[in-house]
Amino acid sequence: MQGTSGSFRGKVLRLENRYYHTVYVDRVRMYVPGRSPEPERKPRIRRSRLRIRADYAPIRNVIAIARQYEAYLKEPGIYTYRQAAEHFSTSKVTVGYHLALLTRLPADFVEWLEACTEDLPMTFFSLRRLRPVTMMSEPERKGALLELARTLVREMEGQPSEVVPELLWMLDEELHQMPRRLLRSIMLD
């Protein structure tokens, strides 16, 4: 529709009302009769934070780090956490936190985490998550670790794992009655 006033001379007026809507075909604007269709919403696919951390950051096993500190402290002439911290370029508090993992967590859990090779469980069980467990009393630790393991299963979003069923079997007293083979098949499905 051509404009009639002087300010719109030679230009096409834009028509949008309930009888017409704008459609772009090959980057050319066209007016089509009828109401505009409802816009389609794309589904948002959101990756879990655990997977993002596992993909971008180099994954280090906290128990392996603690074993390095422990081995260095056993060398002759090394007596304090401060010497170990200076050698590894970290703080003495960090050395203490890592060594507390070795002494205060259940031995079977420490062995499991040390032998773990999967990225998501190693990323999940970081010093930040395990430190509050070390400050709990002895009877509460296993329950807290079991709750963390269940949270790990939820965050893995059904991704198959070889090591997580072993952890659940180790921590949960009710699962001890179930054979490991059956538990593994349930978790992988």
N, C-alpha and C. Protein backbone atom coordinates (compact mmCIF):
# COMPACT_ATOMS: atom_id res chain seq x y z
N MET A 1 0.85 -1.16 0.00
CA MET A 1 0.00 0.00 0.00
C MET A 1 0.90 1.23 0.00
N GLN A 2 0.70 2.07 -0.91
CA GLN A 2 1.50 3.28 -1.03
C GLN A 2 1.03 4.33 -0.03
N GLY A 3 2.01 5.06 0.50
CA GLY A 3 1.70 6.12 1.44
C GLY A 3 1.14 7.34 0.73
N THR A 4 0.27 8.09 1.39
CA THR A 4 -0.33 9.27 0.78
C THR A 4 0.25 10.55 1.32
N SER A 5 0.84 10.51 2.49
CA SER A 5 1.39 11.75 3.02
C SER A 5 2.80 11.93 2.51
N GLY A 6 3.33 13.12 2.64
CA GLY A 6 4.65 13.44 2.12
C GLY A 6 5.78 12.70 2.83
N SER A 7 5.59 12.39 4.08
CA SER A 7 6.66 11.73 4.80
C SER A 7 6.81 10.26 4.41
N PHE A 8 5.80 9.66 3.86
CA PHE A 8 5.85 8.25 3.50
C PHE A 8 5.90 8.05 1.99
N ARG A 9 6.23 9.08 1.22
CA ARG A 9 6.20 8.99 -0.23
C ARG A 9 7.15 7.92 -0.74
N GLY A 10 6.66 7.00 -1.52
CA GLY A 10 7.47 5.97 -2.13
C GLY A 10 7.82 4.81 -1.21
N LYS A 11 7.33 4.82 -0.02
CA LYS A 11 7.61 3.73 0.91
C LYS A 11 6.35 2.89 1.12
N VAL A 12 6.58 1.66 1.50
CA VAL A 12 5.46 0.77 1.77
C VAL A 12 5.15 0.83 3.26
N LEU A 13 3.92 1.03 3.57
CA LEU A 13 3.53 1.05 4.97
C LEU A 13 3.50 -0.37 5.51
N ARG A 14 3.83 -0.49 6.72
CA ARG A 14 3.84 -1.80 7.35
C ARG A 14 2.45 -2.09 7.92
N LEU A 15 1.87 -3.17 7.47
CA LEU A 15 0.54 -3.53 7.92
C LEU A 15 0.63 -4.68 8.91
N GLU A 16 0.19 -4.44 10.10
CA GLU A 16 0.09 -5.52 11.05
C GLU A 16 -1.15 -5.27 11.88
N ASN A 17 -2.08 -6.14 11.75
CA ASN A 17 -3.24 -6.13 12.61
C ASN A 17 -3.77 -7.54 12.69
N ARG A 18 -4.98 -7.71 13.08
CA ARG A 18 -5.47 -9.06 13.27
C ARG A 18 -5.78 -9.76 11.96
N TYR A 19 -5.73 -9.05 10.82
CA TYR A 19 -6.03 -9.68 9.54
C TYR A 19 -4.79 -10.02 8.73
N TYR A 20 -3.65 -9.42 9.07
CA TYR A 20 -2.40 -9.66 8.34
C TYR A 20 -1.27 -9.93 9.33
N HIS A 21 -0.28 -10.68 8.91
CA HIS A 21 0.92 -10.85 9.72
C HIS A 21 2.13 -10.91 8.80
N THR A 22 3.29 -10.68 9.37
CA THR A 22 4.52 -10.58 8.61
C THR A 22 5.19 -11.95 8.52
N VAL A 23 5.64 -12.27 7.29
CA VAL A 23 6.37 -13.50 7.05
C VAL A 23 7.60 -13.13 6.23
N TYR A 24 8.74 -13.74 6.55
CA TYR A 24 9.95 -13.49 5.80
C TYR A 24 10.27 -14.70 4.93
N VAL A 25 10.39 -14.46 3.63
CA VAL A 25 10.75 -15.51 2.68
C VAL A 25 12.00 -15.04 1.97
N ASP A 26 13.10 -15.78 2.12
CA ASP A 26 14.39 -15.41 1.54
C ASP A 26 14.76 -13.98 1.89
N ARG A 27 14.60 -13.64 3.14
CA ARG A 27 14.90 -12.32 3.69
C ARG A 27 14.08 -11.18 3.08
N VAL A 28 12.97 -11.51 2.50
CA VAL A 28 12.06 -10.50 1.95
C VAL A 28 10.80 -10.52 2.80
N ARG A 29 10.41 -9.36 3.27
CA ARG A 29 9.22 -9.26 4.11
C ARG A 29 7.98 -9.30 3.26
N MET A 30 7.05 -10.15 3.68
CA MET A 30 5.77 -10.27 2.97
C MET A 30 4.65 -10.19 4.00
N TYR A 31 3.48 -9.69 3.57
CA TYR A 31 2.33 -9.63 4.44
C TYR A 31 1.34 -10.69 3.99
N VAL A 32 0.96 -11.53 4.93
CA VAL A 32 0.08 -12.65 4.63
C VAL A 32 -1.23 -12.44 5.39
N PRO A 33 -2.36 -12.66 4.71
CA PRO A 33 -3.63 -12.49 5.43
C PRO A 33 -3.80 -13.58 6.50
N GLY A 34 -4.47 -13.23 7.56
CA GLY A 34 -4.73 -14.16 8.64
C GLY A 34 -3.93 -13.82 9.88
N ARG A 35 -4.25 -14.51 10.95
CA ARG A 35 -3.55 -14.27 12.21
C ARG A 35 -2.18 -14.94 12.18
N SER A 36 -1.29 -14.40 12.95
CA SER A 36 0.05 -14.98 13.01
C SER A 36 0.00 -16.27 13.84
N PRO A 37 0.73 -17.28 13.41
CA PRO A 37 0.72 -18.54 14.17
C PRO A 37 1.48 -18.36 15.49
N GLU A 38 1.14 -19.19 16.45
CA GLU A 38 1.83 -19.14 17.73
C GLU A 38 3.29 -19.55 17.53
N PRO A 39 4.21 -18.83 18.13
CA PRO A 39 5.62 -19.19 17.96
C PRO A 39 5.92 -20.53 18.63
N GLU A 40 6.74 -21.34 17.96
CA GLU A 40 7.12 -22.63 18.51
C GLU A 40 8.31 -22.42 19.44
N ARG A 41 8.20 -22.99 20.60
CA ARG A 41 9.29 -22.87 21.56
C ARG A 41 10.20 -24.07 21.43
N LYS A 42 11.48 -23.78 21.36
CA LYS A 42 12.45 -24.85 21.29
C LYS A 42 12.65 -25.42 22.69
N PRO A 43 12.73 -26.73 22.79
CA PRO A 43 12.98 -27.29 24.12
C PRO A 43 14.42 -26.99 24.55
N ARG A 44 14.55 -26.58 25.80
CA ARG A 44 15.88 -26.28 26.32
C ARG A 44 16.49 -27.56 26.87
N ILE A 45 17.62 -27.89 26.33
CA ILE A 45 18.34 -29.05 26.82
C ILE A 45 19.45 -28.53 27.72
N ARG A 46 19.32 -28.84 28.99
CA ARG A 46 20.27 -28.31 29.95
C ARG A 46 21.14 -29.45 30.49
N ARG A 47 22.43 -29.30 30.34
CA ARG A 47 23.34 -30.30 30.86
C ARG A 47 23.53 -30.06 32.35
N SER A 48 23.76 -31.11 33.06
CA SER A 48 23.96 -30.97 34.50
C SER A 48 25.31 -30.30 34.76
N ARG A 49 25.39 -29.63 35.89
CA ARG A 49 26.63 -28.97 36.26
C ARG A 49 27.76 -29.96 36.44
N LEU A 50 27.40 -31.15 36.89
CA LEU A 50 28.41 -32.19 37.09
C LEU A 50 29.08 -32.56 35.77
N ARG A 51 28.29 -32.72 34.71
CA ARG A 51 28.86 -33.06 33.40
C ARG A 51 29.69 -31.92 32.83
N ILE A 52 29.24 -30.70 33.07
CA ILE A 52 30.00 -29.54 32.58
C ILE A 52 31.36 -29.49 33.26
N ARG A 53 31.38 -29.68 34.61
CA ARG A 53 32.65 -29.68 35.32
C ARG A 53 33.55 -30.82 34.88
N ALA A 54 32.94 -31.99 34.63
CA ALA A 54 33.74 -33.15 34.22
C ALA A 54 34.34 -32.94 32.84
N ASP A 55 33.64 -32.19 31.97
CA ASP A 55 34.14 -31.97 30.62
C ASP A 55 35.23 -30.91 30.54
N TYR A 56 35.13 -29.86 31.36
CA TYR A 56 36.04 -28.74 31.19
C TYR A 56 37.25 -28.75 32.10
N ALA A 57 37.09 -29.25 33.29
CA ALA A 57 38.20 -29.19 34.24
C ALA A 57 38.97 -30.51 34.23
N PRO A 58 40.27 -30.44 34.40
CA PRO A 58 41.00 -31.71 34.55
C PRO A 58 40.60 -32.35 35.88
N ILE A 59 40.24 -33.61 35.81
CA ILE A 59 39.70 -34.29 36.98
C ILE A 59 40.84 -34.91 37.77
N ARG A 60 40.89 -34.58 39.05
CA ARG A 60 41.91 -35.15 39.93
C ARG A 60 41.20 -35.84 41.07
N ASN A 61 41.62 -37.02 41.35
CA ASN A 61 41.06 -37.80 42.44
C ASN A 61 41.58 -37.25 43.76
N VAL A 62 40.66 -36.88 44.67
CA VAL A 62 41.08 -36.25 45.92
C VAL A 62 41.86 -37.23 46.80
N ILE A 63 41.56 -38.50 46.70
CA ILE A 63 42.29 -39.48 47.50
C ILE A 63 43.71 -39.64 46.96
N ALA A 64 43.88 -39.57 45.65
CA ALA A 64 45.23 -39.66 45.07
C ALA A 64 46.07 -38.46 45.49
N ILE A 65 45.44 -37.29 45.56
CA ILE A 65 46.15 -36.09 46.02
C ILE A 65 46.54 -36.25 47.49
N ALA A 66 45.62 -36.78 48.28
CA ALA A 66 45.90 -36.98 49.70
C ALA A 66 47.04 -38.00 49.89
N ARG A 67 47.07 -39.02 49.05
CA ARG A 67 48.15 -40.02 49.14
C ARG A 67 49.51 -39.39 48.79
N GLN A 68 49.52 -38.43 47.85
CA GLN A 68 50.76 -37.72 47.53
C GLN A 68 51.27 -36.93 48.74
N TYR A 69 50.34 -36.23 49.40
CA TYR A 69 50.72 -35.48 50.59
C TYR A 69 51.22 -36.42 51.68
N GLU A 70 50.54 -37.53 51.86
CA GLU A 70 50.92 -38.50 52.88
C GLU A 70 52.31 -39.09 52.61
N ALA A 71 52.57 -39.41 51.34
CA ALA A 71 53.88 -39.98 50.98
C ALA A 71 54.99 -38.95 51.20
N TYR A 72 54.72 -37.70 50.88
CA TYR A 72 55.73 -36.66 51.07
C TYR A 72 56.03 -36.45 52.55
N LEU A 73 54.99 -36.50 53.39
CA LEU A 73 55.18 -36.31 54.83
C LEU A 73 55.94 -37.46 55.48
N LYS A 74 55.96 -38.63 54.84
CA LYS A 74 56.70 -39.78 55.38
C LYS A 74 58.18 -39.73 55.04
N GLU A 75 58.57 -38.83 54.13
CA GLU A 75 59.99 -38.73 53.77
C GLU A 75 60.80 -38.22 54.97
N PRO A 76 62.06 -38.64 55.07
CA PRO A 76 62.88 -38.15 56.20
C PRO A 76 63.17 -36.65 56.07
N GLY A 77 63.10 -35.97 57.15
CA GLY A 77 63.37 -34.54 57.16
C GLY A 77 62.12 -33.69 56.95
N ILE A 78 61.00 -34.29 56.67
CA ILE A 78 59.74 -33.55 56.49
C ILE A 78 58.91 -33.80 57.74
N TYR A 79 58.62 -32.73 58.48
CA TYR A 79 57.95 -32.91 59.76
C TYR A 79 56.59 -32.21 59.84
N THR A 80 56.36 -31.17 59.05
CA THR A 80 55.15 -30.38 59.23
C THR A 80 54.34 -30.30 57.94
N TYR A 81 53.08 -29.94 58.13
CA TYR A 81 52.20 -29.71 56.98
C TYR A 81 52.68 -28.51 56.16
N ARG A 82 53.29 -27.55 56.84
CA ARG A 82 53.77 -26.35 56.14
C ARG A 82 54.85 -26.71 55.11
N GLN A 83 55.72 -27.64 55.45
CA GLN A 83 56.75 -28.06 54.49
C GLN A 83 56.12 -28.75 53.29
N ALA A 84 55.14 -29.57 53.54
CA ALA A 84 54.43 -30.24 52.43
C ALA A 84 53.69 -29.22 51.58
N ALA A 85 53.08 -28.24 52.24
CA ALA A 85 52.33 -27.21 51.50
C ALA A 85 53.27 -26.39 50.62
N GLU A 86 54.44 -26.04 51.12
CA GLU A 86 55.40 -25.29 50.31
C GLU A 86 55.90 -26.11 49.13
N HIS A 87 56.08 -27.40 49.35
CA HIS A 87 56.56 -28.27 48.27
C HIS A 87 55.52 -28.39 47.15
N PHE A 88 54.23 -28.50 47.51
CA PHE A 88 53.17 -28.67 46.52
C PHE A 88 52.51 -27.36 46.12
N SER A 89 53.01 -26.24 46.61
CA SER A 89 52.48 -24.90 46.30
C SER A 89 51.00 -24.78 46.65
N THR A 90 50.69 -25.13 47.86
CA THR A 90 49.32 -25.00 48.35
C THR A 90 49.38 -24.55 49.80
N SER A 91 48.26 -24.51 50.46
CA SER A 91 48.26 -24.06 51.86
C SER A 91 48.32 -25.28 52.79
N LYS A 92 48.75 -25.04 54.02
CA LYS A 92 48.83 -26.14 54.97
C LYS A 92 47.43 -26.61 55.38
N VAL A 93 46.45 -25.74 55.27
CA VAL A 93 45.07 -26.12 55.57
C VAL A 93 44.58 -27.14 54.54
N THR A 94 44.90 -26.91 53.28
CA THR A 94 44.51 -27.84 52.24
C THR A 94 45.15 -29.21 52.46
N VAL A 95 46.39 -29.22 52.86
CA VAL A 95 47.07 -30.48 53.16
C VAL A 95 46.35 -31.19 54.31
N GLY A 96 45.99 -30.45 55.32
CA GLY A 96 45.28 -31.03 56.47
C GLY A 96 43.91 -31.58 56.08
N TYR A 97 43.18 -30.83 55.24
CA TYR A 97 41.86 -31.29 54.79
C TYR A 97 41.97 -32.60 54.02
N HIS A 98 42.95 -32.68 53.12
CA HIS A 98 43.12 -33.91 52.33
C HIS A 98 43.51 -35.09 53.22
N LEU A 99 44.39 -34.86 54.17
CA LEU A 99 44.80 -35.96 55.04
C LEU A 99 43.66 -36.39 55.97
N ALA A 100 42.77 -35.47 56.30
CA ALA A 100 41.60 -35.83 57.11
C ALA A 100 40.68 -36.79 56.35
N LEU A 101 40.64 -36.68 55.02
CA LEU A 101 39.85 -37.62 54.23
C LEU A 101 40.36 -39.05 54.44
N LEU A 102 41.66 -39.20 54.49
CA LEU A 102 42.24 -40.54 54.64
C LEU A 102 41.98 -41.12 56.02
N THR A 103 41.98 -40.28 57.04
CA THR A 103 41.87 -40.80 58.39
C THR A 103 40.44 -40.88 58.89
N ARG A 104 39.55 -40.02 58.43
CA ARG A 104 38.20 -39.95 59.01
C ARG A 104 37.12 -40.63 58.18
N LEU A 105 37.30 -40.77 56.88
CA LEU A 105 36.29 -41.46 56.07
C LEU A 105 36.44 -42.96 56.25
N PRO A 106 35.36 -43.71 56.03
CA PRO A 106 35.46 -45.18 56.13
C PRO A 106 36.50 -45.72 55.15
N ALA A 107 37.25 -46.72 55.59
CA ALA A 107 38.35 -47.25 54.78
C ALA A 107 37.87 -47.86 53.47
N ASP A 108 36.70 -48.52 53.49
CA ASP A 108 36.21 -49.12 52.25
C ASP A 108 35.81 -48.06 51.23
N PHE A 109 35.28 -46.91 51.72
CA PHE A 109 34.95 -45.82 50.80
C PHE A 109 36.22 -45.20 50.22
N VAL A 110 37.24 -45.03 51.05
CA VAL A 110 38.51 -44.47 50.57
C VAL A 110 39.12 -45.37 49.50
N GLU A 111 39.08 -46.68 49.73
CA GLU A 111 39.60 -47.62 48.72
C GLU A 111 38.79 -47.54 47.43
N TRP A 112 37.46 -47.45 47.56
CA TRP A 112 36.61 -47.37 46.37
C TRP A 112 36.92 -46.10 45.57
N LEU A 113 37.01 -44.97 46.25
CA LEU A 113 37.26 -43.71 45.56
C LEU A 113 38.67 -43.66 44.95
N GLU A 114 39.61 -44.27 45.62
CA GLU A 114 40.98 -44.31 45.09
C GLU A 114 41.06 -45.15 43.82
N ALA A 115 40.26 -46.22 43.76
CA ALA A 115 40.27 -47.10 42.58
C ALA A 115 39.34 -46.62 41.48
N CYS A 116 38.53 -45.62 41.76
CA CYS A 116 37.54 -45.12 40.77
C CYS A 116 38.25 -44.49 39.58
N THR A 117 37.79 -44.84 38.38
CA THR A 117 38.37 -44.27 37.16
C THR A 117 37.36 -43.49 36.33
N GLU A 118 36.09 -43.52 36.69
CA GLU A 118 35.06 -42.80 35.93
C GLU A 118 35.09 -41.32 36.29
N ASP A 119 34.86 -40.51 35.28
CA ASP A 119 34.97 -39.05 35.47
C ASP A 119 33.89 -38.46 36.37
N LEU A 120 32.62 -38.85 36.17
CA LEU A 120 31.55 -38.21 36.93
C LEU A 120 31.63 -38.50 38.43
N PRO A 121 31.86 -39.74 38.87
CA PRO A 121 31.99 -39.93 40.33
C PRO A 121 33.21 -39.21 40.92
N MET A 122 34.33 -39.19 40.18
CA MET A 122 35.50 -38.48 40.70
C MET A 122 35.25 -36.99 40.79
N THR A 123 34.52 -36.44 39.82
CA THR A 123 34.18 -35.02 39.86
C THR A 123 33.22 -34.73 41.00
N PHE A 124 32.26 -35.63 41.21
CA PHE A 124 31.24 -35.41 42.23
C PHE A 124 31.85 -35.44 43.64
N PHE A 125 32.69 -36.42 43.92
CA PHE A 125 33.26 -36.54 45.25
C PHE A 125 34.52 -35.69 45.35
N SER A 126 34.29 -34.40 45.47
CA SER A 126 35.38 -33.44 45.59
C SER A 126 35.66 -33.17 47.08
N LEU A 127 36.72 -32.46 47.35
CA LEU A 127 37.05 -32.10 48.72
C LEU A 127 35.94 -31.27 49.34
N ARG A 128 35.33 -30.43 48.55
CA ARG A 128 34.27 -29.57 49.06
C ARG A 128 33.06 -30.38 49.54
N ARG A 129 32.74 -31.48 48.84
CA ARG A 129 31.61 -32.31 49.24
C ARG A 129 31.97 -33.25 50.39
N LEU A 130 33.20 -33.73 50.41
CA LEU A 130 33.57 -34.73 51.41
C LEU A 130 33.99 -34.13 52.75
N ARG A 131 34.42 -32.89 52.74
CA ARG A 131 34.88 -32.28 53.99
C ARG A 131 33.81 -32.24 55.07
N PRO A 132 32.55 -31.84 54.77
CA PRO A 132 31.54 -31.86 55.84
C PRO A 132 31.31 -33.27 56.41
N VAL A 133 31.50 -34.29 55.60
CA VAL A 133 31.32 -35.66 56.09
C VAL A 133 32.41 -35.99 57.11
N THR A 134 33.62 -35.49 56.90
CA THR A 134 34.70 -35.78 57.84
C THR A 134 34.48 -35.12 59.19
N MET A 135 33.68 -34.08 59.26
CA MET A 135 33.44 -33.39 60.52
C MET A 135 32.28 -33.99 61.31
N MET A 136 31.60 -35.00 60.74
CA MET A 136 30.48 -35.63 61.43
C MET A 136 30.99 -36.69 62.41
N SER A 137 30.09 -37.13 63.27
CA SER A 137 30.45 -38.20 64.19
C SER A 137 30.51 -39.52 63.42
N GLU A 138 31.13 -40.50 64.02
CA GLU A 138 31.36 -41.80 63.35
C GLU A 138 30.08 -42.45 62.83
N PRO A 139 29.00 -42.53 63.61
CA PRO A 139 27.79 -43.20 63.09
C PRO A 139 27.10 -42.45 61.96
N GLU A 140 27.25 -41.12 61.92
CA GLU A 140 26.57 -40.33 60.91
C GLU A 140 27.27 -40.36 59.55
N ARG A 141 28.54 -40.70 59.51
CA ARG A 141 29.32 -40.61 58.26
C ARG A 141 28.80 -41.52 57.16
N LYS A 142 28.48 -42.77 57.51
CA LYS A 142 28.03 -43.71 56.48
C LYS A 142 26.70 -43.27 55.88
N GLY A 143 25.80 -42.74 56.71
CA GLY A 143 24.52 -42.24 56.21
C GLY A 143 24.70 -41.03 55.30
N ALA A 144 25.62 -40.16 55.67
CA ALA A 144 25.87 -38.98 54.83
C ALA A 144 26.50 -39.39 53.50
N LEU A 145 27.39 -40.36 53.53
CA LEU A 145 27.99 -40.85 52.28
C LEU A 145 26.94 -41.53 51.40
N LEU A 146 26.02 -42.26 52.02
CA LEU A 146 24.94 -42.90 51.25
C LEU A 146 24.05 -41.85 50.60
N GLU A 147 23.76 -40.78 51.33
CA GLU A 147 22.95 -39.69 50.75
C GLU A 147 23.68 -39.02 49.59
N LEU A 148 24.99 -38.82 49.73
CA LEU A 148 25.78 -38.27 48.63
C LEU A 148 25.77 -39.21 47.43
N ALA A 149 25.84 -40.50 47.67
CA ALA A 149 25.82 -41.47 46.57
C ALA A 149 24.48 -41.44 45.84
N ARG A 150 23.40 -41.30 46.58
CA ARG A 150 22.08 -41.20 45.93
C ARG A 150 21.97 -39.90 45.13
N THR A 151 22.54 -38.83 45.64
CA THR A 151 22.55 -37.58 44.88
C THR A 151 23.36 -37.75 43.60
N LEU A 152 24.45 -38.47 43.67
CA LEU A 152 25.26 -38.74 42.49
C LEU A 152 24.46 -39.50 41.45
N VAL A 153 23.70 -40.49 41.86
CA VAL A 153 22.87 -41.27 40.93
C VAL A 153 21.86 -40.37 40.25
N ARG A 154 21.23 -39.45 41.02
CA ARG A 154 20.27 -38.52 40.42
C ARG A 154 20.95 -37.59 39.41
N GLU A 155 22.13 -37.10 39.74
CA GLU A 155 22.81 -36.16 38.85
C GLU A 155 23.40 -36.83 37.61
N MET A 156 23.63 -38.13 37.68
CA MET A 156 24.16 -38.84 36.51
C MET A 156 23.08 -39.06 35.47
N GLU A 157 21.81 -38.86 35.84
CA GLU A 157 20.68 -38.90 34.92
C GLU A 157 20.63 -40.18 34.11
N GLY A 158 20.78 -41.31 34.75
CA GLY A 158 20.63 -42.59 34.09
C GLY A 158 21.80 -43.04 33.25
N GLN A 159 22.90 -42.34 33.30
CA GLN A 159 24.07 -42.76 32.54
C GLN A 159 24.63 -44.03 33.18
N PRO A 160 24.92 -45.05 32.38
CA PRO A 160 25.40 -46.31 32.98
C PRO A 160 26.76 -46.13 33.65
N SER A 161 26.93 -46.85 34.74
CA SER A 161 28.17 -46.76 35.49
C SER A 161 28.53 -48.14 36.02
N GLU A 162 29.80 -48.41 36.06
CA GLU A 162 30.27 -49.69 36.61
C GLU A 162 30.58 -49.57 38.09
N VAL A 163 30.95 -48.39 38.55
CA VAL A 163 31.45 -48.25 39.92
C VAL A 163 30.39 -47.78 40.91
N VAL A 164 29.36 -47.07 40.47
CA VAL A 164 28.36 -46.54 41.38
C VAL A 164 27.54 -47.64 42.05
N PRO A 165 27.12 -48.70 41.33
CA PRO A 165 26.41 -49.77 42.04
C PRO A 165 27.25 -50.41 43.15
N GLU A 166 28.54 -50.53 42.93
CA GLU A 166 29.41 -51.06 43.98
C GLU A 166 29.41 -50.15 45.21
N LEU A 167 29.41 -48.85 44.98
CA LEU A 167 29.38 -47.90 46.09
C LEU A 167 28.08 -48.02 46.86
N LEU A 168 26.96 -48.08 46.15
CA LEU A 168 25.68 -48.20 46.82
C LEU A 168 25.60 -49.50 47.61
N TRP A 169 26.08 -50.57 47.04
CA TRP A 169 26.06 -51.86 47.73
C TRP A 169 26.92 -51.80 48.99
N MET A 170 28.02 -51.11 48.91
CA MET A 170 28.94 -51.01 50.04
C MET A 170 28.34 -50.18 51.18
N LEU A 171 27.61 -49.11 50.85
CA LEU A 171 27.13 -48.18 51.86
C LEU A 171 25.77 -48.54 52.44
N ASP A 172 24.90 -49.14 51.65
CA ASP A 172 23.52 -49.38 52.07
C ASP A 172 23.40 -50.77 52.69
N GLU A 173 22.95 -50.81 53.94
CA GLU A 173 22.82 -52.09 54.65
C GLU A 173 21.70 -52.94 54.06
N GLU A 174 20.63 -52.31 53.56
CA GLU A 174 19.52 -53.08 52.99
C GLU A 174 19.93 -53.80 51.71
N LEU A 175 20.85 -53.21 50.96
CA LEU A 175 21.27 -53.83 49.71
C LEU A 175 22.23 -55.00 49.93
N HIS A 176 22.73 -55.16 51.15
CA HIS A 176 23.63 -56.29 51.42
C HIS A 176 22.91 -57.63 51.28
N GLN A 177 21.58 -57.63 51.46
CA GLN A 177 20.85 -58.87 51.29
C GLN A 177 20.69 -59.24 49.82
N MET A 178 20.78 -58.25 48.94
CA MET A 178 20.64 -58.49 47.51
C MET A 178 22.00 -58.85 46.92
N PRO A 179 22.07 -59.86 46.04
CA PRO A 179 23.35 -60.20 45.44
C PRO A 179 23.89 -59.05 44.58
N ARG A 180 25.20 -58.88 44.53
CA ARG A 180 25.81 -57.79 43.77
C ARG A 180 25.45 -57.86 42.29
N ARG A 181 25.39 -59.06 41.75
CA ARG A 181 25.09 -59.24 40.33
C ARG A 181 23.73 -58.66 39.98
N LEU A 182 22.73 -58.95 40.82
CA LEU A 182 21.38 -58.45 40.59
C LEU A 182 21.34 -56.93 40.72
N LEU A 183 22.02 -56.40 41.73
CA LEU A 183 22.07 -54.94 41.91
C LEU A 183 22.68 -54.27 40.71
N ARG A 184 23.75 -54.83 40.19
CA ARG A 184 24.44 -54.24 39.03
C ARG A 184 23.52 -54.22 37.82
N SER A 185 22.76 -55.26 37.60
CA SER A 185 21.85 -55.29 36.45
C SER A 185 20.71 -54.29 36.62
N ILE A 186 20.25 -54.08 37.86
CA ILE A 186 19.20 -53.10 38.10
C ILE A 186 19.72 -51.69 37.82
N MET A 187 20.93 -51.39 38.28
CA MET A 187 21.47 -50.05 38.12
C MET A 187 21.82 -49.73 36.67
N LEU A 188 22.20 -50.73 35.88
CA LEU A 188 22.57 -50.47 34.49
C LEU A 188 21.37 -50.30 33.60
N ASP A 189 20.22 -50.76 34.01
CA ASP A 189 19.00 -50.62 33.16
C ASP A 189 18.42 -49.24 33.25
